[in-house]
Amino acid sequence: MLTLTWDNPILPGFVVFEGLDGAGTTTQAHRLVTCLRSRGVAAEFTCEPTDYLTGRTIRALLTGPERATPWTLAMLFAADRHEHLERPESGILARLATGATVISDRYLFSSIAYQGAFCDGAAVERLNGAFPLPEHLVFVDTPQDEASRRLAHRVVRDSLEQDDVQRLVAARYRGVIDAFDERTEVRVHRVDGRDDPDSVFAAIRSALNLDDC
């Protein structure tokens, strides 16, 4: 699945949640932040696309009416990721430097899965190939039909949340996660996303060796 070696540096204290749209990554990432804070850990939530102009541009293009080509989106996601990491004071690196644990809902794995499905996958990897990797990667593994059922309740769905896109991305996503697990030092944790949110979070706590919180 991967073409690069991905011997990128690991960022201690950086935790990434990944999964299909509708998998519940946002809910579980917020729950982990709350859990860690209850234990006295300085934990902060963040996400991609970001709330910076780069991220807002992506969201606007995903919801229309104006659209962008898949490669344009791939470059925009990479640019937004650079800002997400490097922005002074509010970027991931700046937050980690203060001693905080940073929990991100999505990171470069989403780009390789989603944009890589519509562009040259190797080119998307190269575009993201210089970014550091998280210490922990939590993959909320939810079948596409279940994720689609949950998405059906959303009033507005962007262009990446459509069923045909999700079907195309689902198998590729698991392959991306498996490849990073096999070829990098990232600590990958797979949890079954079909369960209720409490059970999913219990599995996440167990994977991360956290007590009840």
N, C-alpha and C. Protein backbone atom coordinates (compact mmCIF):
# COMPACT_ATOMS: atom_id res chain seq x y z
N MET A 1 0.83 -1.21 0.00
CA MET A 1 0.00 0.00 0.00
C MET A 1 0.86 1.25 0.00
N LEU A 2 1.89 1.30 0.87
CA LEU A 2 2.73 2.49 0.94
C LEU A 2 3.94 2.35 0.03
N THR A 3 4.36 3.45 -0.55
CA THR A 3 5.54 3.44 -1.41
C THR A 3 6.76 4.04 -0.72
N LEU A 4 6.56 4.87 0.30
CA LEU A 4 7.67 5.51 1.02
C LEU A 4 8.05 4.69 2.24
N THR A 5 9.26 4.92 2.75
CA THR A 5 9.72 4.18 3.93
C THR A 5 9.08 4.69 5.21
N TRP A 6 8.76 5.98 5.26
CA TRP A 6 8.10 6.58 6.42
C TRP A 6 8.88 6.36 7.71
N ASP A 7 10.16 6.69 7.66
CA ASP A 7 10.97 6.66 8.87
C ASP A 7 10.97 8.04 9.53
N ASN A 8 9.81 8.68 9.49
CA ASN A 8 9.66 10.05 10.01
C ASN A 8 9.73 10.05 11.53
N PRO A 9 10.12 11.18 12.12
CA PRO A 9 10.17 11.26 13.58
C PRO A 9 8.79 11.10 14.19
N ILE A 10 8.76 10.54 15.40
CA ILE A 10 7.52 10.36 16.16
C ILE A 10 7.39 11.51 17.15
N LEU A 11 6.20 12.08 17.26
CA LEU A 11 5.94 13.17 18.21
C LEU A 11 5.33 12.61 19.49
N PRO A 12 6.10 12.53 20.57
CA PRO A 12 5.54 12.05 21.84
C PRO A 12 4.39 12.96 22.30
N GLY A 13 3.33 12.35 22.78
CA GLY A 13 2.20 13.12 23.26
C GLY A 13 1.18 13.48 22.19
N PHE A 14 1.43 13.06 20.95
CA PHE A 14 0.52 13.36 19.85
C PHE A 14 -0.29 12.10 19.54
N VAL A 15 -1.62 12.22 19.64
CA VAL A 15 -2.54 11.10 19.42
C VAL A 15 -3.48 11.46 18.29
N VAL A 16 -3.63 10.57 17.33
CA VAL A 16 -4.49 10.82 16.17
C VAL A 16 -5.61 9.78 16.12
N PHE A 17 -6.82 10.26 15.85
CA PHE A 17 -7.96 9.39 15.62
C PHE A 17 -8.27 9.35 14.13
N GLU A 18 -8.48 8.16 13.61
CA GLU A 18 -8.83 7.99 12.19
C GLU A 18 -10.01 7.04 12.05
N GLY A 19 -10.71 7.16 10.94
CA GLY A 19 -11.83 6.28 10.64
C GLY A 19 -12.69 6.92 9.57
N LEU A 20 -13.56 6.12 8.98
CA LEU A 20 -14.48 6.64 7.98
C LEU A 20 -15.34 7.75 8.56
N ASP A 21 -15.87 8.61 7.71
CA ASP A 21 -16.86 9.58 8.17
C ASP A 21 -18.05 8.81 8.72
N GLY A 22 -18.46 9.17 9.93
CA GLY A 22 -19.52 8.43 10.60
C GLY A 22 -19.00 7.38 11.55
N ALA A 23 -17.69 7.19 11.60
CA ALA A 23 -17.12 6.17 12.48
C ALA A 23 -17.19 6.56 13.95
N GLY A 24 -17.27 7.86 14.23
CA GLY A 24 -17.33 8.32 15.61
C GLY A 24 -16.02 8.86 16.13
N THR A 25 -15.08 9.19 15.23
CA THR A 25 -13.77 9.66 15.68
C THR A 25 -13.85 10.96 16.48
N THR A 26 -14.70 11.88 16.05
CA THR A 26 -14.79 13.17 16.75
C THR A 26 -15.29 12.98 18.17
N THR A 27 -16.34 12.18 18.32
CA THR A 27 -16.88 11.90 19.65
C THR A 27 -15.83 11.28 20.55
N GLN A 28 -15.12 10.28 20.04
CA GLN A 28 -14.15 9.58 20.87
C GLN A 28 -12.92 10.44 21.17
N ALA A 29 -12.52 11.28 20.23
CA ALA A 29 -11.38 12.17 20.49
C ALA A 29 -11.72 13.15 21.62
N HIS A 30 -12.92 13.71 21.57
CA HIS A 30 -13.34 14.61 22.65
C HIS A 30 -13.41 13.88 23.98
N ARG A 31 -13.90 12.65 23.97
CA ARG A 31 -13.99 11.89 25.22
C ARG A 31 -12.60 11.62 25.79
N LEU A 32 -11.63 11.37 24.93
CA LEU A 32 -10.28 11.14 25.43
C LEU A 32 -9.71 12.40 26.05
N VAL A 33 -9.97 13.56 25.44
CA VAL A 33 -9.52 14.83 26.03
C VAL A 33 -10.11 15.00 27.42
N THR A 34 -11.42 14.76 27.55
CA THR A 34 -12.09 14.90 28.85
C THR A 34 -11.50 13.92 29.86
N CYS A 35 -11.26 12.70 29.42
CA CYS A 35 -10.68 11.68 30.30
C CYS A 35 -9.31 12.10 30.81
N LEU A 36 -8.45 12.53 29.90
CA LEU A 36 -7.10 12.91 30.30
C LEU A 36 -7.11 14.12 31.23
N ARG A 37 -7.98 15.09 30.93
CA ARG A 37 -8.05 16.26 31.81
C ARG A 37 -8.51 15.88 33.20
N SER A 38 -9.39 14.89 33.32
CA SER A 38 -9.86 14.45 34.64
C SER A 38 -8.73 13.81 35.44
N ARG A 39 -7.68 13.39 34.75
CA ARG A 39 -6.52 12.79 35.39
C ARG A 39 -5.40 13.82 35.60
N GLY A 40 -5.71 15.10 35.32
CA GLY A 40 -4.73 16.15 35.52
C GLY A 40 -3.77 16.35 34.36
N VAL A 41 -4.07 15.74 33.21
CA VAL A 41 -3.21 15.89 32.04
C VAL A 41 -3.68 17.10 31.22
N ALA A 42 -2.76 17.92 30.79
CA ALA A 42 -3.10 19.05 29.92
C ALA A 42 -3.32 18.50 28.52
N ALA A 43 -4.59 18.25 28.19
CA ALA A 43 -4.93 17.66 26.90
C ALA A 43 -5.72 18.65 26.07
N GLU A 44 -5.43 18.69 24.77
CA GLU A 44 -6.09 19.64 23.88
C GLU A 44 -6.60 18.94 22.63
N PHE A 45 -7.80 19.31 22.20
CA PHE A 45 -8.40 18.75 21.00
C PHE A 45 -8.08 19.63 19.80
N THR A 46 -7.86 18.99 18.66
CA THR A 46 -7.70 19.71 17.40
C THR A 46 -8.19 18.80 16.28
N CYS A 47 -8.26 19.30 15.07
CA CYS A 47 -8.82 18.48 13.99
C CYS A 47 -8.34 18.97 12.63
N GLU A 48 -8.54 18.13 11.64
CA GLU A 48 -8.30 18.48 10.24
C GLU A 48 -9.53 18.15 9.43
N PRO A 49 -9.95 19.03 8.52
CA PRO A 49 -9.37 20.35 8.26
C PRO A 49 -9.44 21.23 9.50
N THR A 50 -8.50 22.18 9.60
CA THR A 50 -8.44 23.07 10.74
C THR A 50 -9.46 24.20 10.62
N ASP A 51 -9.46 25.07 11.62
CA ASP A 51 -10.29 26.28 11.56
C ASP A 51 -9.52 27.46 10.98
N TYR A 52 -8.28 27.22 10.53
CA TYR A 52 -7.53 28.27 9.86
C TYR A 52 -8.14 28.52 8.48
N LEU A 53 -7.68 29.58 7.81
CA LEU A 53 -8.20 29.87 6.48
C LEU A 53 -7.99 28.70 5.53
N THR A 54 -6.86 28.03 5.65
CA THR A 54 -6.61 26.87 4.79
C THR A 54 -7.69 25.81 4.99
N GLY A 55 -8.02 25.54 6.23
CA GLY A 55 -9.04 24.54 6.52
C GLY A 55 -10.44 25.00 6.12
N ARG A 56 -10.73 26.27 6.35
CA ARG A 56 -12.05 26.78 5.97
C ARG A 56 -12.23 26.74 4.45
N THR A 57 -11.15 26.96 3.72
CA THR A 57 -11.21 26.87 2.26
C THR A 57 -11.55 25.45 1.83
N ILE A 58 -10.92 24.48 2.47
CA ILE A 58 -11.22 23.08 2.16
C ILE A 58 -12.69 22.78 2.42
N ARG A 59 -13.18 23.19 3.58
CA ARG A 59 -14.58 22.91 3.93
C ARG A 59 -15.53 23.55 2.92
N ALA A 60 -15.20 24.76 2.49
CA ALA A 60 -16.06 25.44 1.51
C ALA A 60 -16.08 24.68 0.18
N LEU A 61 -14.94 24.17 -0.23
CA LEU A 61 -14.87 23.44 -1.49
C LEU A 61 -15.55 22.07 -1.39
N LEU A 62 -15.55 21.48 -0.20
CA LEU A 62 -16.18 20.17 -0.03
C LEU A 62 -17.70 20.27 0.02
N THR A 63 -18.21 21.43 0.44
CA THR A 63 -19.66 21.58 0.55
C THR A 63 -20.27 22.31 -0.64
N GLY A 64 -19.43 22.87 -1.53
CA GLY A 64 -19.92 23.51 -2.75
C GLY A 64 -20.50 24.89 -2.50
N PRO A 65 -21.05 25.52 -3.55
CA PRO A 65 -21.28 24.94 -4.88
C PRO A 65 -20.02 24.83 -5.75
N GLU A 66 -18.96 25.57 -5.42
CA GLU A 66 -17.74 25.47 -6.21
C GLU A 66 -16.95 24.25 -5.77
N ARG A 67 -16.39 23.52 -6.73
CA ARG A 67 -15.62 22.32 -6.44
C ARG A 67 -14.17 22.50 -6.88
N ALA A 68 -13.31 21.64 -6.38
CA ALA A 68 -11.90 21.64 -6.78
C ALA A 68 -11.54 20.24 -7.27
N THR A 69 -10.48 20.15 -8.07
CA THR A 69 -10.03 18.84 -8.54
C THR A 69 -9.44 18.06 -7.37
N PRO A 70 -9.40 16.73 -7.46
CA PRO A 70 -8.83 15.92 -6.38
C PRO A 70 -7.40 16.32 -6.02
N TRP A 71 -6.57 16.64 -7.04
CA TRP A 71 -5.18 17.00 -6.72
C TRP A 71 -5.10 18.35 -6.02
N THR A 72 -5.97 19.28 -6.42
CA THR A 72 -6.01 20.56 -5.70
C THR A 72 -6.37 20.33 -4.24
N LEU A 73 -7.35 19.47 -3.99
CA LEU A 73 -7.73 19.17 -2.62
C LEU A 73 -6.56 18.51 -1.87
N ALA A 74 -5.85 17.61 -2.52
CA ALA A 74 -4.72 16.96 -1.87
C ALA A 74 -3.67 17.99 -1.45
N MET A 75 -3.39 18.96 -2.32
CA MET A 75 -2.40 19.99 -1.98
C MET A 75 -2.92 20.91 -0.87
N LEU A 76 -4.21 21.22 -0.91
CA LEU A 76 -4.79 22.06 0.14
C LEU A 76 -4.74 21.37 1.49
N PHE A 77 -5.06 20.08 1.51
CA PHE A 77 -4.99 19.34 2.78
C PHE A 77 -3.56 19.33 3.31
N ALA A 78 -2.57 19.16 2.44
CA ALA A 78 -1.18 19.17 2.88
C ALA A 78 -0.78 20.55 3.40
N ALA A 79 -1.23 21.61 2.73
CA ALA A 79 -0.93 22.97 3.19
C ALA A 79 -1.58 23.23 4.55
N ASP A 80 -2.81 22.79 4.70
CA ASP A 80 -3.51 22.96 5.97
C ASP A 80 -2.81 22.18 7.08
N ARG A 81 -2.30 21.01 6.73
CA ARG A 81 -1.57 20.19 7.71
C ARG A 81 -0.28 20.88 8.14
N HIS A 82 0.39 21.51 7.21
CA HIS A 82 1.61 22.25 7.56
C HIS A 82 1.28 23.36 8.55
N GLU A 83 0.20 24.11 8.28
CA GLU A 83 -0.23 25.15 9.22
C GLU A 83 -0.61 24.54 10.57
N HIS A 84 -1.29 23.41 10.51
CA HIS A 84 -1.72 22.72 11.73
C HIS A 84 -0.53 22.38 12.61
N LEU A 85 0.55 21.98 12.00
CA LEU A 85 1.76 21.64 12.74
C LEU A 85 2.55 22.86 13.18
N GLU A 86 2.75 23.78 12.26
CA GLU A 86 3.76 24.82 12.44
C GLU A 86 3.25 26.16 12.93
N ARG A 87 1.94 26.38 12.96
CA ARG A 87 1.44 27.70 13.35
C ARG A 87 1.95 28.07 14.75
N PRO A 88 2.61 29.24 14.88
CA PRO A 88 3.13 29.66 16.19
C PRO A 88 2.00 29.75 17.22
N GLU A 89 2.26 29.29 18.41
CA GLU A 89 1.37 29.34 19.57
C GLU A 89 0.21 28.34 19.50
N SER A 90 -0.45 28.20 18.35
CA SER A 90 -1.63 27.33 18.30
C SER A 90 -1.41 26.05 17.52
N GLY A 91 -0.25 25.88 16.87
CA GLY A 91 0.01 24.67 16.10
C GLY A 91 0.31 23.47 16.99
N ILE A 92 0.29 22.29 16.40
CA ILE A 92 0.53 21.06 17.15
C ILE A 92 1.90 21.10 17.83
N LEU A 93 2.93 21.49 17.11
CA LEU A 93 4.27 21.50 17.69
C LEU A 93 4.37 22.48 18.85
N ALA A 94 3.74 23.64 18.70
CA ALA A 94 3.76 24.64 19.78
C ALA A 94 3.04 24.12 21.01
N ARG A 95 1.93 23.45 20.82
CA ARG A 95 1.18 22.91 21.96
C ARG A 95 1.96 21.79 22.65
N LEU A 96 2.56 20.91 21.84
CA LEU A 96 3.36 19.83 22.44
C LEU A 96 4.53 20.39 23.23
N ALA A 97 5.11 21.49 22.75
CA ALA A 97 6.26 22.10 23.43
C ALA A 97 5.91 22.60 24.82
N THR A 98 4.62 22.89 25.06
CA THR A 98 4.19 23.34 26.39
C THR A 98 3.98 22.16 27.34
N GLY A 99 4.08 20.94 26.82
CA GLY A 99 3.85 19.76 27.64
C GLY A 99 2.46 19.18 27.51
N ALA A 100 1.66 19.77 26.63
CA ALA A 100 0.30 19.28 26.44
C ALA A 100 0.29 17.99 25.64
N THR A 101 -0.74 17.18 25.87
CA THR A 101 -1.04 16.05 25.00
C THR A 101 -2.04 16.54 23.96
N VAL A 102 -1.74 16.34 22.70
CA VAL A 102 -2.58 16.85 21.62
C VAL A 102 -3.33 15.70 20.96
N ILE A 103 -4.66 15.81 20.94
CA ILE A 103 -5.53 14.80 20.35
C ILE A 103 -6.10 15.37 19.06
N SER A 104 -5.79 14.75 17.93
CA SER A 104 -6.27 15.26 16.65
C SER A 104 -7.26 14.31 16.00
N ASP A 105 -8.38 14.87 15.59
CA ASP A 105 -9.36 14.14 14.80
C ASP A 105 -8.92 14.25 13.34
N ARG A 106 -8.20 13.24 12.86
CA ARG A 106 -7.64 13.11 11.51
C ARG A 106 -6.26 13.77 11.38
N TYR A 107 -5.51 13.18 10.46
CA TYR A 107 -4.15 13.65 10.16
C TYR A 107 -3.79 13.12 8.77
N LEU A 108 -2.54 12.92 8.48
CA LEU A 108 -2.13 12.57 7.12
C LEU A 108 -2.67 11.23 6.63
N PHE A 109 -3.04 10.34 7.53
CA PHE A 109 -3.58 9.04 7.14
C PHE A 109 -4.87 9.21 6.33
N SER A 110 -5.67 10.21 6.70
CA SER A 110 -6.90 10.49 5.94
C SER A 110 -6.57 10.91 4.52
N SER A 111 -5.55 11.73 4.36
CA SER A 111 -5.18 12.17 3.02
C SER A 111 -4.76 11.00 2.14
N ILE A 112 -3.95 10.11 2.70
CA ILE A 112 -3.48 8.97 1.91
C ILE A 112 -4.65 8.06 1.54
N ALA A 113 -5.61 7.93 2.45
CA ALA A 113 -6.78 7.09 2.16
C ALA A 113 -7.75 7.77 1.21
N TYR A 114 -8.12 9.02 1.50
CA TYR A 114 -9.15 9.71 0.71
C TYR A 114 -8.60 10.30 -0.57
N GLN A 115 -7.65 11.22 -0.46
CA GLN A 115 -7.12 11.83 -1.68
C GLN A 115 -6.34 10.81 -2.52
N GLY A 116 -5.71 9.84 -1.85
CA GLY A 116 -4.99 8.81 -2.57
C GLY A 116 -5.89 7.91 -3.39
N ALA A 117 -7.19 7.90 -3.06
CA ALA A 117 -8.14 7.08 -3.83
C ALA A 117 -8.53 7.75 -5.14
N PHE A 118 -8.32 9.06 -5.24
CA PHE A 118 -8.74 9.79 -6.43
C PHE A 118 -7.58 10.40 -7.21
N CYS A 119 -6.38 10.34 -6.63
CA CYS A 119 -5.18 10.85 -7.28
C CYS A 119 -4.15 9.73 -7.37
N ASP A 120 -2.99 10.04 -7.87
CA ASP A 120 -1.86 9.12 -7.81
C ASP A 120 -1.49 8.92 -6.35
N GLY A 121 -1.72 7.71 -5.82
CA GLY A 121 -1.49 7.48 -4.40
C GLY A 121 -0.06 7.74 -3.98
N ALA A 122 0.90 7.37 -4.82
CA ALA A 122 2.31 7.61 -4.49
C ALA A 122 2.61 9.10 -4.42
N ALA A 123 1.97 9.87 -5.30
CA ALA A 123 2.18 11.33 -5.28
C ALA A 123 1.60 11.94 -4.01
N VAL A 124 0.47 11.44 -3.56
CA VAL A 124 -0.12 11.94 -2.31
C VAL A 124 0.80 11.61 -1.14
N GLU A 125 1.39 10.41 -1.14
CA GLU A 125 2.35 10.06 -0.10
C GLU A 125 3.53 11.02 -0.10
N ARG A 126 4.08 11.28 -1.28
CA ARG A 126 5.24 12.18 -1.35
C ARG A 126 4.87 13.58 -0.86
N LEU A 127 3.66 14.01 -1.16
CA LEU A 127 3.19 15.33 -0.73
C LEU A 127 3.17 15.43 0.79
N ASN A 128 2.92 14.32 1.45
CA ASN A 128 2.82 14.30 2.92
C ASN A 128 4.02 13.63 3.58
N GLY A 129 5.03 13.32 2.78
CA GLY A 129 6.11 12.48 3.25
C GLY A 129 7.06 13.10 4.26
N ALA A 130 7.02 14.41 4.46
CA ALA A 130 7.94 15.04 5.40
C ALA A 130 7.32 15.27 6.78
N PHE A 131 6.04 15.00 6.92
CA PHE A 131 5.38 15.30 8.20
C PHE A 131 5.76 14.27 9.27
N PRO A 132 5.94 14.73 10.51
CA PRO A 132 6.19 13.78 11.60
C PRO A 132 4.94 12.96 11.88
N LEU A 133 5.14 11.86 12.60
CA LEU A 133 4.05 10.94 12.87
C LEU A 133 3.63 10.98 14.33
N PRO A 134 2.40 10.58 14.63
CA PRO A 134 1.94 10.59 16.03
C PRO A 134 2.52 9.42 16.82
N GLU A 135 2.53 9.58 18.13
CA GLU A 135 2.94 8.47 18.99
C GLU A 135 1.88 7.37 18.96
N HIS A 136 0.61 7.79 18.98
CA HIS A 136 -0.50 6.83 18.99
C HIS A 136 -1.45 7.13 17.84
N LEU A 137 -1.91 6.08 17.17
CA LEU A 137 -2.92 6.19 16.12
C LEU A 137 -4.07 5.27 16.51
N VAL A 138 -5.24 5.87 16.77
CA VAL A 138 -6.43 5.10 17.13
C VAL A 138 -7.32 5.01 15.90
N PHE A 139 -7.49 3.80 15.38
CA PHE A 139 -8.34 3.60 14.21
C PHE A 139 -9.67 3.02 14.66
N VAL A 140 -10.73 3.84 14.52
CA VAL A 140 -12.08 3.39 14.87
C VAL A 140 -12.63 2.67 13.63
N ASP A 141 -12.54 1.37 13.66
CA ASP A 141 -12.86 0.55 12.49
C ASP A 141 -14.36 0.27 12.43
N THR A 142 -15.04 1.03 11.60
CA THR A 142 -16.49 0.93 11.47
C THR A 142 -16.83 0.52 10.04
N PRO A 143 -17.61 -0.54 9.84
CA PRO A 143 -17.98 -0.95 8.49
C PRO A 143 -18.66 0.18 7.73
N GLN A 144 -18.46 0.20 6.43
CA GLN A 144 -18.98 1.29 5.62
C GLN A 144 -20.49 1.40 5.70
N ASP A 145 -21.20 0.28 5.76
CA ASP A 145 -22.67 0.37 5.80
C ASP A 145 -23.16 0.98 7.11
N GLU A 146 -22.47 0.69 8.21
CA GLU A 146 -22.85 1.28 9.49
C GLU A 146 -22.50 2.77 9.52
N ALA A 147 -21.32 3.13 9.00
CA ALA A 147 -20.95 4.54 8.95
C ALA A 147 -21.93 5.31 8.07
N SER A 148 -22.34 4.71 6.95
CA SER A 148 -23.30 5.36 6.06
C SER A 148 -24.65 5.55 6.73
N ARG A 149 -25.06 4.56 7.52
CA ARG A 149 -26.33 4.68 8.24
C ARG A 149 -26.31 5.88 9.19
N ARG A 150 -25.19 6.08 9.85
CA ARG A 150 -25.07 7.21 10.77
C ARG A 150 -25.03 8.53 10.01
N LEU A 151 -24.34 8.54 8.87
CA LEU A 151 -24.25 9.77 8.08
C LEU A 151 -25.61 10.19 7.54
N ALA A 152 -26.51 9.25 7.37
CA ALA A 152 -27.83 9.56 6.81
C ALA A 152 -28.60 10.53 7.68
N HIS A 153 -28.22 10.64 8.96
CA HIS A 153 -28.91 11.54 9.88
C HIS A 153 -28.36 12.97 9.81
N ARG A 154 -27.27 13.17 9.08
CA ARG A 154 -26.70 14.52 8.98
C ARG A 154 -27.50 15.36 7.99
N VAL A 155 -27.76 16.59 8.37
CA VAL A 155 -28.53 17.48 7.50
C VAL A 155 -27.72 17.83 6.26
N VAL A 156 -26.43 18.11 6.45
CA VAL A 156 -25.54 18.46 5.34
C VAL A 156 -24.38 17.47 5.30
N ARG A 157 -24.13 16.90 4.13
CA ARG A 157 -23.01 15.98 3.94
C ARG A 157 -22.10 16.53 2.85
N ASP A 158 -20.80 16.60 3.13
CA ASP A 158 -19.89 17.15 2.12
C ASP A 158 -19.58 16.09 1.06
N SER A 159 -18.79 16.47 0.08
CA SER A 159 -18.57 15.60 -1.08
C SER A 159 -17.79 14.34 -0.73
N LEU A 160 -17.04 14.35 0.37
CA LEU A 160 -16.30 13.15 0.78
C LEU A 160 -17.15 12.21 1.63
N GLU A 161 -18.30 12.67 2.06
CA GLU A 161 -19.17 11.87 2.93
C GLU A 161 -20.23 11.10 2.15
N GLN A 162 -20.18 11.16 0.84
CA GLN A 162 -21.17 10.46 0.02
C GLN A 162 -20.87 8.96 -0.01
N ASP A 163 -21.93 8.16 -0.16
CA ASP A 163 -21.79 6.71 -0.05
C ASP A 163 -20.80 6.14 -1.07
N ASP A 164 -20.80 6.66 -2.31
CA ASP A 164 -19.91 6.10 -3.32
C ASP A 164 -18.44 6.35 -2.96
N VAL A 165 -18.17 7.52 -2.37
CA VAL A 165 -16.80 7.83 -1.93
C VAL A 165 -16.42 6.93 -0.76
N GLN A 166 -17.31 6.77 0.20
CA GLN A 166 -17.02 5.97 1.38
C GLN A 166 -16.76 4.51 1.00
N ARG A 167 -17.53 3.99 0.05
CA ARG A 167 -17.30 2.60 -0.40
C ARG A 167 -15.93 2.46 -1.03
N LEU A 168 -15.53 3.45 -1.80
CA LEU A 168 -14.23 3.40 -2.47
C LEU A 168 -13.09 3.49 -1.47
N VAL A 169 -13.28 4.26 -0.42
CA VAL A 169 -12.20 4.54 0.53
C VAL A 169 -12.08 3.47 1.61
N ALA A 170 -13.17 2.78 1.95
CA ALA A 170 -13.20 1.91 3.13
C ALA A 170 -12.06 0.89 3.16
N ALA A 171 -11.94 0.08 2.11
CA ALA A 171 -10.89 -0.95 2.11
C ALA A 171 -9.51 -0.32 2.06
N ARG A 172 -9.37 0.75 1.30
CA ARG A 172 -8.09 1.43 1.19
C ARG A 172 -7.65 1.97 2.56
N TYR A 173 -8.58 2.50 3.33
CA TYR A 173 -8.28 3.07 4.64
C TYR A 173 -7.64 2.01 5.55
N ARG A 174 -8.25 0.83 5.59
CA ARG A 174 -7.69 -0.24 6.43
C ARG A 174 -6.30 -0.62 5.95
N GLY A 175 -6.09 -0.63 4.63
CA GLY A 175 -4.77 -0.94 4.11
C GLY A 175 -3.73 0.08 4.52
N VAL A 176 -4.11 1.34 4.53
CA VAL A 176 -3.20 2.41 4.95
C VAL A 176 -2.82 2.22 6.41
N ILE A 177 -3.80 1.96 7.27
CA ILE A 177 -3.53 1.77 8.70
C ILE A 177 -2.63 0.55 8.91
N ASP A 178 -2.93 -0.55 8.22
CA ASP A 178 -2.11 -1.76 8.34
C ASP A 178 -0.66 -1.48 7.93
N ALA A 179 -0.49 -0.73 6.85
CA ALA A 179 0.86 -0.45 6.36
C ALA A 179 1.66 0.38 7.35
N PHE A 180 1.04 1.37 7.94
CA PHE A 180 1.76 2.18 8.93
C PHE A 180 2.07 1.35 10.18
N ASP A 181 1.19 0.45 10.54
CA ASP A 181 1.42 -0.42 11.69
C ASP A 181 2.63 -1.32 11.45
N GLU A 182 2.77 -1.80 10.23
CA GLU A 182 3.84 -2.74 9.91
C GLU A 182 5.18 -2.05 9.67
N ARG A 183 5.15 -0.81 9.17
CA ARG A 183 6.37 -0.22 8.65
C ARG A 183 6.85 1.01 9.41
N THR A 184 6.18 1.39 10.48
CA THR A 184 6.62 2.56 11.26
C THR A 184 6.59 2.23 12.74
N GLU A 185 7.06 3.18 13.53
CA GLU A 185 7.07 3.02 14.98
C GLU A 185 5.79 3.56 15.63
N VAL A 186 4.84 3.98 14.83
CA VAL A 186 3.57 4.46 15.36
C VAL A 186 2.87 3.32 16.09
N ARG A 187 2.34 3.62 17.27
CA ARG A 187 1.60 2.60 18.03
C ARG A 187 0.15 2.65 17.58
N VAL A 188 -0.25 1.66 16.79
CA VAL A 188 -1.58 1.62 16.19
C VAL A 188 -2.52 0.81 17.06
N HIS A 189 -3.69 1.40 17.34
CA HIS A 189 -4.71 0.74 18.16
C HIS A 189 -6.01 0.67 17.35
N ARG A 190 -6.47 -0.53 17.06
CA ARG A 190 -7.73 -0.70 16.33
C ARG A 190 -8.85 -1.02 17.31
N VAL A 191 -9.94 -0.30 17.19
CA VAL A 191 -11.11 -0.58 18.04
C VAL A 191 -12.33 -0.77 17.13
N ASP A 192 -13.25 -1.60 17.57
CA ASP A 192 -14.45 -1.90 16.81
C ASP A 192 -15.44 -0.75 16.94
N GLY A 193 -15.69 -0.06 15.84
CA GLY A 193 -16.57 1.10 15.88
C GLY A 193 -18.04 0.78 15.81
N ARG A 194 -18.40 -0.50 15.72
CA ARG A 194 -19.82 -0.87 15.63
C ARG A 194 -20.53 -0.78 16.96
N ASP A 195 -19.77 -0.84 18.05
CA ASP A 195 -20.38 -0.83 19.38
C ASP A 195 -20.91 0.55 19.74
N ASP A 196 -21.64 0.62 20.85
CA ASP A 196 -22.13 1.90 21.34
C ASP A 196 -20.94 2.75 21.79
N PRO A 197 -21.11 4.08 21.85
CA PRO A 197 -19.98 4.96 22.16
C PRO A 197 -19.26 4.63 23.46
N ASP A 198 -20.01 4.21 24.49
CA ASP A 198 -19.37 3.88 25.77
C ASP A 198 -18.46 2.67 25.63
N SER A 199 -18.91 1.65 24.89
CA SER A 199 -18.10 0.45 24.70
C SER A 199 -16.87 0.76 23.85
N VAL A 200 -17.05 1.60 22.83
CA VAL A 200 -15.91 1.98 22.00
C VAL A 200 -14.87 2.71 22.85
N PHE A 201 -15.34 3.62 23.70
CA PHE A 201 -14.38 4.37 24.51
C PHE A 201 -13.71 3.47 25.54
N ALA A 202 -14.43 2.48 26.06
CA ALA A 202 -13.81 1.54 26.99
C ALA A 202 -12.68 0.78 26.29
N ALA A 203 -12.88 0.43 25.03
CA ALA A 203 -11.83 -0.25 24.27
C ALA A 203 -10.64 0.68 24.04
N ILE A 204 -10.91 1.95 23.81
CA ILE A 204 -9.83 2.92 23.61
C ILE A 204 -9.03 3.10 24.90
N ARG A 205 -9.73 3.21 26.02
CA ARG A 205 -9.03 3.34 27.31
C ARG A 205 -8.14 2.14 27.57
N SER A 206 -8.68 0.95 27.26
CA SER A 206 -7.89 -0.26 27.46
C SER A 206 -6.66 -0.27 26.57
N ALA A 207 -6.83 0.14 25.31
CA ALA A 207 -5.71 0.16 24.38
C ALA A 207 -4.61 1.12 24.83
N LEU A 208 -5.03 2.24 25.43
CA LEU A 208 -4.09 3.27 25.85
C LEU A 208 -3.66 3.11 27.32
N ASN A 209 -4.11 2.02 27.94
CA ASN A 209 -3.76 1.72 29.34
C ASN A 209 -4.18 2.83 30.29
N LEU A 210 -5.43 3.29 30.13
CA LEU A 210 -5.97 4.31 31.00
C LEU A 210 -6.98 3.70 31.95
N ASP A 211 -6.97 4.16 33.21
CA ASP A 211 -7.97 3.72 34.17
C ASP A 211 -9.31 4.36 33.84
N ASP A 212 -10.34 3.97 34.57
CA ASP A 212 -11.67 4.56 34.39
C ASP A 212 -11.60 6.08 34.54
N CYS A 213 -12.27 6.76 33.64
CA CYS A 213 -12.37 8.22 33.75
C CYS A 213 -13.50 8.69 32.85
